[in-house]
Protein backbone atom coordinates (compact mmCIF):
# COMPACT_ATOMS: atom_id res chain seq x y z
CA MET A 1 20.72 -2.52 8.01
CA ALA A 2 17.16 -1.87 9.17
CA SER A 3 16.25 -2.23 12.81
CA LYS A 4 13.27 -4.25 14.00
CA GLN A 5 9.78 -2.91 14.59
CA ILE A 6 9.56 -0.69 17.66
CA PRO A 7 7.64 -1.86 20.76
CA GLU A 8 3.86 -1.47 20.38
CA GLU A 9 3.45 0.91 23.34
CA LEU A 10 6.06 3.29 21.92
CA TYR A 11 4.45 3.04 18.47
CA LYS A 12 1.05 3.94 19.98
CA GLN A 13 2.56 7.12 21.47
CA ILE A 14 4.29 8.07 18.23
CA HIS A 15 1.15 7.28 16.22
CA ALA A 16 -0.90 9.68 18.35
CA GLU A 17 1.57 12.54 17.88
CA MET A 18 3.27 12.25 14.49
CA PRO A 19 2.75 11.25 10.86
CA ILE A 20 3.82 7.70 10.05
CA ALA A 21 6.25 7.14 7.15
CA CYS A 22 4.98 4.40 4.82
CA VAL A 23 5.47 2.77 1.45
CA ASP A 24 2.38 2.02 -0.67
CA LEU A 25 2.43 -0.10 -3.82
CA MET A 26 0.38 0.07 -6.99
CA VAL A 27 0.80 -3.54 -8.14
CA LEU A 28 0.01 -3.53 -11.87
CA ASN A 29 -1.38 -6.35 -13.97
CA GLU A 30 -3.29 -6.03 -17.27
CA ASN A 31 -4.59 -2.47 -16.69
CA ARG A 32 -5.61 -3.36 -13.13
CA VAL A 33 -4.15 -2.74 -9.70
CA LEU A 34 -4.15 -5.06 -6.71
CA LEU A 35 -6.28 -3.84 -3.80
CA LEU A 36 -6.60 -5.55 -0.42
CA GLU A 37 -9.56 -5.49 1.96
CA ARG A 38 -8.32 -4.22 5.33
CA LEU A 39 -9.17 -6.01 8.59
CA ARG A 40 -7.74 -3.25 10.83
CA GLU A 41 -8.07 0.48 11.26
CA PRO A 42 -7.54 2.84 9.66
CA ASP A 43 -10.12 2.17 6.94
CA LYS A 44 -11.12 -1.25 8.24
CA GLY A 45 -13.39 -2.97 5.70
CA MET A 46 -12.18 -0.84 2.79
CA LEU A 47 -9.93 -1.63 -0.15
CA TRP A 48 -6.41 -0.21 -0.11
CA CYS A 49 -3.19 -0.93 -1.96
CA PRO A 50 -0.50 -3.05 -0.27
CA GLY A 51 1.54 -0.85 2.02
CA GLY A 52 2.98 -0.32 5.45
CA ARG A 53 5.46 1.36 7.73
CA ILE A 54 9.09 1.92 6.88
CA ILE A 55 11.43 0.48 9.50
CA LYS A 56 14.21 2.77 10.77
CA GLY A 57 17.34 2.26 8.66
CA GLU A 58 15.42 0.64 5.80
CA ASN A 59 15.61 2.25 2.36
CA LEU A 60 12.39 2.79 0.43
CA GLU A 61 12.97 0.09 -2.17
CA THR A 62 13.81 -2.52 0.47
CA ALA A 63 10.66 -1.54 2.37
CA ALA A 64 8.61 -1.97 -0.82
CA PHE A 65 9.98 -5.48 -1.44
CA ARG A 66 9.48 -6.48 2.22
CA ILE A 67 5.94 -5.10 2.49
CA LEU A 68 4.68 -6.74 -0.70
CA ILE A 69 6.05 -10.13 0.35
CA GLU A 70 4.63 -9.79 3.90
CA GLU A 71 1.16 -8.71 2.80
CA THR A 72 0.67 -10.77 -0.38
CA GLY A 73 3.52 -13.25 -0.81
CA LEU A 74 4.29 -11.62 -4.18
CA GLN A 75 7.81 -10.87 -5.41
CA ILE A 76 8.55 -7.64 -7.29
CA LYS A 77 9.93 -7.98 -10.82
CA LYS A 78 10.12 -4.22 -11.57
CA LEU A 79 9.70 -1.21 -9.31
CA GLU A 80 9.41 2.54 -10.00
CA PHE A 81 8.78 5.49 -7.68
CA ILE A 82 5.53 7.36 -8.47
CA GLY A 83 5.45 10.08 -5.83
CA PRO A 84 4.29 11.04 -2.34
CA LEU A 85 0.84 10.63 -0.81
CA ASN A 86 -0.30 12.45 2.32
CA CYS A 87 -3.38 10.90 4.01
CA THR A 88 -5.30 11.68 7.16
CA PHE A 89 -7.73 8.99 8.28
CA LYS A 90 -10.64 9.62 10.67
CA THR A 91 -9.81 6.49 12.68
CA ASP A 92 -6.76 4.96 14.31
CA PRO A 93 -5.83 1.36 15.21
CA PHE A 94 -5.26 2.12 18.91
CA GLY A 95 -8.36 4.03 19.97
CA HIS A 96 -6.45 7.15 21.01
CA GLY A 97 -8.90 9.33 19.05
CA ARG A 98 -6.15 11.38 17.37
CA ARG A 99 -6.72 10.01 13.86
CA THR A 100 -4.07 8.44 11.66
CA HIS A 101 -1.76 10.57 9.53
CA THR A 102 0.51 8.86 6.99
CA VAL A 103 3.05 10.19 4.54
CA SER A 104 3.57 7.50 1.92
CA PHE A 105 6.14 6.97 -0.77
CA VAL A 106 4.12 5.37 -3.57
CA PHE A 107 5.70 2.93 -6.01
CA GLY A 108 4.36 1.25 -9.11
CA CYS A 109 5.46 -2.33 -9.55
CA VAL A 110 5.02 -5.42 -11.66
CA PRO A 111 4.99 -8.70 -9.70
CA GLU A 112 6.70 -11.96 -10.63
CA ASN A 113 3.62 -14.19 -10.45
CA VAL A 114 0.13 -12.76 -9.94
CA GLU A 115 -1.35 -16.22 -9.38
CA SER A 116 0.44 -16.82 -6.06
CA ILE A 117 -1.20 -14.29 -3.72
CA HIS A 118 -1.25 -15.29 -0.04
CA LEU A 119 -2.75 -12.62 2.22
CA ASP A 120 -1.41 -11.87 5.69
CA GLN A 121 -3.52 -11.70 8.88
CA ASP A 122 -4.36 -7.99 8.32
CA HIS A 123 -6.28 -8.53 5.09
CA LYS A 124 -9.49 -10.41 4.31
CA SER A 125 -9.64 -10.50 0.52
CA TYR A 126 -8.22 -8.93 -2.63
CA ILE A 127 -9.39 -7.78 -6.03
CA TRP A 128 -7.72 -6.76 -9.27
CA TYR A 129 -9.30 -3.33 -9.70
CA ARG A 130 -9.74 -1.69 -13.08
CA PRO A 131 -9.90 2.11 -12.56
CA GLY A 132 -13.43 3.39 -12.92
CA GLU A 133 -15.21 0.11 -12.22
CA LYS A 134 -17.67 -0.28 -9.36
CA THR A 135 -16.79 -2.53 -6.43
CA GLU A 136 -18.85 -4.08 -3.64
CA ILE A 137 -16.22 -3.08 -1.08
CA PRO A 138 -15.61 0.69 -0.74
CA ILE A 139 -12.38 2.27 -1.98
CA ARG A 140 -10.93 5.49 -0.59
CA GLU A 141 -10.82 8.32 -3.18
CA GLU A 142 -7.03 8.71 -2.93
CA VAL A 143 -6.64 5.05 -3.89
CA LYS A 144 -8.99 5.44 -6.86
CA ARG A 145 -6.91 8.40 -8.11
CA LEU A 146 -3.64 6.50 -7.59
CA ALA A 147 -5.01 3.50 -9.48
CA TRP A 148 -6.13 5.67 -12.39
CA ASP A 149 -2.83 7.57 -12.49
CA SER A 150 -0.80 4.35 -12.26
CA VAL A 151 -2.62 2.39 -14.96
CA TYR A 152 -2.70 5.28 -17.43
CA ASN A 153 0.72 6.82 -16.70
CA GLU A 154 2.70 6.44 -19.94
CA ARG A 155 6.09 7.15 -18.29
CA LEU A 156 5.45 4.51 -15.63
CA ARG A 157 4.29 2.00 -18.22
CA ALA A 158 7.46 2.61 -20.25
CA VAL A 159 9.83 2.32 -17.26
CA LEU A 160 8.18 -0.84 -15.98
CA ALA A 161 7.83 -2.23 -19.53
CA TYR A 162 4.23 -2.68 -18.49
CA GLU A 163 1.87 -3.77 -21.20
CA GLY A 164 -1.83 -3.35 -20.45
């Protein structure tokens, strides 16, 4: 069983010194991926896929289900591991000036009902992004690559029974 989130002061110290283990989700729907506009650092004001920290004792799949529900209210119908993503951000949410370093386990998924998105307090808006299209809100290059690879990955489409 997973433990609860660690106290914020301890997390601030860990954040300044170590990479943070995360799960990120490429939520697929009709050749598009769900991207959320962030209200917090890192990458405040940019689009990013749903994702977040793994809680100690939590397996990756459980973290994926939890994070998608918390951030969007969506339930996962099908889930498949894509691969790792290592990101270093110029900013951090605590102002310690040591940047943010995440190591993410990226999953592709198909949600139960794409019409029932309810964003949490950390996100302002969402879009269904078609790889290659222009957006008003900036998207980090790693996310653009993930979106392209997820939408056009034949193995992933087959496993998820994802039809474009």
